């Protein structure tokens, strides 16, 4: 049982690494959207609004799985 649990936690680390990279990319996209919203006049036309909302939305979607994966990793270590 202990070997099985050890293999299961080792298999999760590459997934955590991928989620961490996606988390960083998502933060960059989110910050780019917020900066372009407040610092530029891109949001004055429709295409700019779509670009800004896409940056912010995609950034938040990419950020969301990493904390959940950390909770699953923490829960599997506490078993």
N, C-alpha and C. Protein backbone atom coordinates (compact mmCIF):
# COMPACT_ATOMS: atom_id res chain seq x y z
N UNK A 1 0.83 -1.19 0.00
CA UNK A 1 0.00 0.00 0.00
C UNK A 1 0.88 1.26 0.00
N UNK A 2 1.94 1.21 0.77
CA UNK A 2 2.82 2.37 0.87
C UNK A 2 3.53 2.65 -0.45
N UNK A 3 3.96 1.59 -1.17
CA UNK A 3 4.60 1.77 -2.47
C UNK A 3 3.62 2.35 -3.48
N UNK A 4 2.38 1.90 -3.42
CA UNK A 4 1.36 2.42 -4.34
C UNK A 4 1.11 3.90 -4.11
N UNK A 5 1.04 4.31 -2.86
CA UNK A 5 0.84 5.71 -2.53
C UNK A 5 2.04 6.54 -2.97
N UNK A 6 3.24 6.00 -2.81
CA UNK A 6 4.44 6.70 -3.23
C UNK A 6 4.46 6.88 -4.75
N UNK A 7 4.08 5.86 -5.51
CA UNK A 7 4.03 5.99 -6.96
C UNK A 7 2.98 6.99 -7.39
N UNK A 8 1.85 7.03 -6.67
CA UNK A 8 0.78 7.94 -7.02
C UNK A 8 1.21 9.39 -6.80
N UNK A 9 1.92 9.67 -5.71
CA UNK A 9 2.36 11.04 -5.47
C UNK A 9 3.48 11.43 -6.41
N UNK A 10 4.34 10.48 -6.81
CA UNK A 10 5.39 10.80 -7.77
C UNK A 10 4.80 11.08 -9.15
N UNK A 11 3.71 10.42 -9.48
CA UNK A 11 3.08 10.65 -10.78
C UNK A 11 2.41 12.01 -10.85
N UNK A 12 2.08 12.60 -9.72
CA UNK A 12 1.40 13.89 -9.72
C UNK A 12 2.37 15.05 -9.88
N UNK A 13 3.64 14.88 -9.61
CA UNK A 13 4.57 16.01 -9.67
C UNK A 13 4.72 16.60 -11.07
N UNK A 14 4.79 15.81 -12.14
CA UNK A 14 4.85 16.44 -13.46
C UNK A 14 3.59 17.26 -13.78
N UNK A 15 2.46 16.80 -13.30
CA UNK A 15 1.22 17.54 -13.52
C UNK A 15 1.27 18.86 -12.76
N UNK A 16 1.78 18.83 -11.55
CA UNK A 16 1.93 20.06 -10.76
C UNK A 16 2.84 21.04 -11.48
N UNK A 17 3.91 20.53 -12.07
CA UNK A 17 4.85 21.40 -12.79
C UNK A 17 4.17 22.05 -14.00
N UNK A 18 3.35 21.29 -14.72
CA UNK A 18 2.62 21.84 -15.86
C UNK A 18 1.63 22.90 -15.39
N UNK A 19 0.92 22.60 -14.30
CA UNK A 19 -0.03 23.58 -13.77
C UNK A 19 0.66 24.84 -13.27
N UNK A 20 1.87 24.70 -12.74
CA UNK A 20 2.62 25.87 -12.29
C UNK A 20 3.00 26.76 -13.47
N UNK A 21 3.44 26.14 -14.57
CA UNK A 21 3.77 26.91 -15.77
C UNK A 21 2.54 27.61 -16.32
N UNK A 22 1.42 26.89 -16.38
CA UNK A 22 0.17 27.50 -16.84
C UNK A 22 -0.28 28.62 -15.91
N UNK A 23 -0.03 28.46 -14.63
CA UNK A 23 -0.38 29.49 -13.65
C UNK A 23 0.40 30.77 -13.92
N UNK A 24 1.70 30.63 -14.19
CA UNK A 24 2.53 31.80 -14.48
C UNK A 24 2.09 32.47 -15.77
N UNK A 25 1.82 31.67 -16.81
CA UNK A 25 1.34 32.23 -18.07
C UNK A 25 0.01 32.95 -17.87
N UNK A 26 -0.86 32.36 -17.06
CA UNK A 26 -2.16 32.98 -16.78
C UNK A 26 -2.01 34.30 -16.03
N UNK A 27 -1.08 34.35 -15.08
CA UNK A 27 -0.85 35.61 -14.37
C UNK A 27 -0.34 36.69 -15.31
N UNK A 28 0.54 36.31 -16.24
CA UNK A 28 1.06 37.28 -17.20
C UNK A 28 -0.06 37.79 -18.11
N UNK A 29 -0.91 36.89 -18.59
CA UNK A 29 -2.03 37.32 -19.43
C UNK A 29 -3.00 38.22 -18.67
N UNK A 30 -3.29 37.83 -17.43
CA UNK A 30 -4.20 38.64 -16.61
C UNK A 30 -3.62 40.04 -16.36
N UNK A 31 -2.36 40.09 -16.00
CA UNK A 31 -1.73 41.39 -15.76
C UNK A 31 -1.65 42.23 -17.03
N UNK A 32 -1.38 41.58 -18.17
CA UNK A 32 -1.36 42.31 -19.44
C UNK A 32 -2.74 42.89 -19.75
N UNK A 33 -3.79 42.14 -19.47
CA UNK A 33 -5.14 42.65 -19.69
C UNK A 33 -5.49 43.80 -18.77
N UNK A 34 -5.14 43.68 -17.51
CA UNK A 34 -5.45 44.75 -16.54
C UNK A 34 -4.63 46.00 -16.84
N UNK A 35 -3.36 45.82 -17.18
CA UNK A 35 -2.52 46.97 -17.51
C UNK A 35 -3.02 47.66 -18.77
N UNK A 36 -3.39 46.87 -19.78
CA UNK A 36 -3.90 47.50 -21.00
C UNK A 36 -5.26 48.15 -20.76
N UNK A 37 -6.01 47.66 -19.80
CA UNK A 37 -7.30 48.29 -19.49
C UNK A 37 -7.11 49.65 -18.84
N UNK A 38 -6.20 49.73 -17.88
CA UNK A 38 -6.05 50.97 -17.13
C UNK A 38 -5.01 51.94 -17.69
N UNK A 39 -4.03 51.44 -18.43
CA UNK A 39 -2.93 52.30 -18.86
C UNK A 39 -3.02 52.76 -20.32
N UNK A 40 -3.89 52.16 -21.12
CA UNK A 40 -3.96 52.53 -22.53
C UNK A 40 -5.39 52.88 -22.91
N UNK A 41 -5.54 53.34 -24.14
CA UNK A 41 -6.86 53.67 -24.67
C UNK A 41 -7.39 52.58 -25.59
N UNK A 42 -6.86 51.38 -25.46
CA UNK A 42 -7.30 50.28 -26.33
C UNK A 42 -8.77 49.94 -26.07
N UNK A 43 -9.22 50.08 -24.87
CA UNK A 43 -10.58 49.71 -24.50
C UNK A 43 -11.65 50.65 -24.98
N UNK A 44 -11.31 51.64 -25.78
CA UNK A 44 -12.29 52.61 -26.25
C UNK A 44 -13.08 52.10 -27.46
N UNK A 45 -12.57 51.11 -28.17
CA UNK A 45 -13.32 50.55 -29.29
C UNK A 45 -13.64 49.08 -29.00
N UNK A 46 -14.48 48.51 -29.86
CA UNK A 46 -15.00 47.16 -29.60
C UNK A 46 -13.89 46.11 -29.68
N UNK A 47 -13.02 46.21 -30.65
CA UNK A 47 -11.96 45.21 -30.77
C UNK A 47 -11.01 45.26 -29.58
N UNK A 48 -10.77 46.44 -29.06
CA UNK A 48 -9.94 46.56 -27.88
C UNK A 48 -10.60 45.97 -26.66
N UNK A 49 -11.92 46.17 -26.54
CA UNK A 49 -12.65 45.57 -25.42
C UNK A 49 -12.61 44.05 -25.48
N UNK A 50 -12.74 43.52 -26.69
CA UNK A 50 -12.70 42.07 -26.86
C UNK A 50 -11.30 41.55 -26.52
N UNK A 51 -10.27 42.25 -26.95
CA UNK A 51 -8.89 41.82 -26.66
C UNK A 51 -8.61 41.85 -25.17
N UNK A 52 -9.02 42.92 -24.51
CA UNK A 52 -8.78 43.05 -23.07
C UNK A 52 -9.55 41.99 -22.29
N UNK A 53 -10.82 41.80 -22.64
CA UNK A 53 -11.61 40.80 -21.91
C UNK A 53 -11.10 39.39 -22.19
N UNK A 54 -10.59 39.14 -23.38
CA UNK A 54 -10.02 37.83 -23.68
C UNK A 54 -8.74 37.59 -22.89
N UNK A 55 -7.89 38.61 -22.78
CA UNK A 55 -6.67 38.46 -21.99
C UNK A 55 -6.99 38.18 -20.53
N UNK A 56 -7.90 38.95 -19.97
CA UNK A 56 -8.25 38.77 -18.56
C UNK A 56 -8.93 37.42 -18.33
N UNK A 57 -9.88 37.07 -19.19
CA UNK A 57 -10.60 35.81 -19.02
C UNK A 57 -9.72 34.59 -19.19
N UNK A 58 -8.90 34.59 -20.22
CA UNK A 58 -8.01 33.46 -20.45
C UNK A 58 -6.96 33.36 -19.34
N UNK A 59 -6.49 34.50 -18.87
CA UNK A 59 -5.55 34.49 -17.76
C UNK A 59 -6.15 33.89 -16.50
N UNK A 60 -7.38 34.24 -16.19
CA UNK A 60 -8.02 33.69 -14.99
C UNK A 60 -8.33 32.20 -15.14
N UNK A 61 -8.67 31.78 -16.35
CA UNK A 61 -8.92 30.35 -16.57
C UNK A 61 -7.63 29.54 -16.40
N UNK A 62 -6.52 30.07 -16.87
CA UNK A 62 -5.25 29.35 -16.74
C UNK A 62 -4.72 29.36 -15.31
N UNK A 63 -5.10 30.35 -14.52
CA UNK A 63 -4.64 30.44 -13.13
C UNK A 63 -5.37 29.44 -12.23
N UNK A 64 -6.59 29.13 -12.53
CA UNK A 64 -7.44 28.41 -11.59
C UNK A 64 -7.06 26.97 -11.26
N UNK A 65 -6.50 26.14 -12.15
CA UNK A 65 -6.25 24.74 -11.75
C UNK A 65 -5.10 24.54 -10.77
N UNK A 66 -4.15 25.44 -10.69
CA UNK A 66 -2.97 25.23 -9.86
C UNK A 66 -3.29 25.12 -8.37
N UNK A 67 -4.08 26.02 -7.79
CA UNK A 67 -4.39 25.85 -6.35
C UNK A 67 -5.16 24.56 -6.06
N UNK A 68 -6.00 24.12 -6.97
CA UNK A 68 -6.74 22.88 -6.78
C UNK A 68 -5.78 21.69 -6.80
N UNK A 69 -4.81 21.72 -7.71
CA UNK A 69 -3.81 20.65 -7.77
C UNK A 69 -2.97 20.62 -6.50
N UNK A 70 -2.66 21.79 -5.95
CA UNK A 70 -1.91 21.83 -4.69
C UNK A 70 -2.72 21.24 -3.54
N UNK A 71 -4.02 21.48 -3.52
CA UNK A 71 -4.87 20.89 -2.48
C UNK A 71 -4.91 19.38 -2.62
N UNK A 72 -5.02 18.87 -3.85
CA UNK A 72 -5.01 17.42 -4.06
C UNK A 72 -3.67 16.82 -3.63
N UNK A 73 -2.58 17.50 -3.92
CA UNK A 73 -1.26 17.02 -3.52
C UNK A 73 -1.15 17.01 -2.00
N UNK A 74 -1.61 18.05 -1.35
CA UNK A 74 -1.58 18.13 0.10
C UNK A 74 -2.44 17.03 0.72
N UNK A 75 -3.62 16.78 0.15
CA UNK A 75 -4.52 15.76 0.69
C UNK A 75 -3.94 14.36 0.53
N UNK A 76 -3.25 14.12 -0.59
CA UNK A 76 -2.66 12.80 -0.78
C UNK A 76 -1.46 12.58 0.14
N UNK A 77 -0.77 13.63 0.52
CA UNK A 77 0.34 13.48 1.45
C UNK A 77 -0.15 13.21 2.87
N UNK A 78 -1.33 13.71 3.21
CA UNK A 78 -1.86 13.55 4.57
C UNK A 78 -2.55 12.22 4.80
N UNK A 79 -2.68 11.39 3.77
CA UNK A 79 -3.35 10.10 3.96
C UNK A 79 -2.53 9.15 4.73
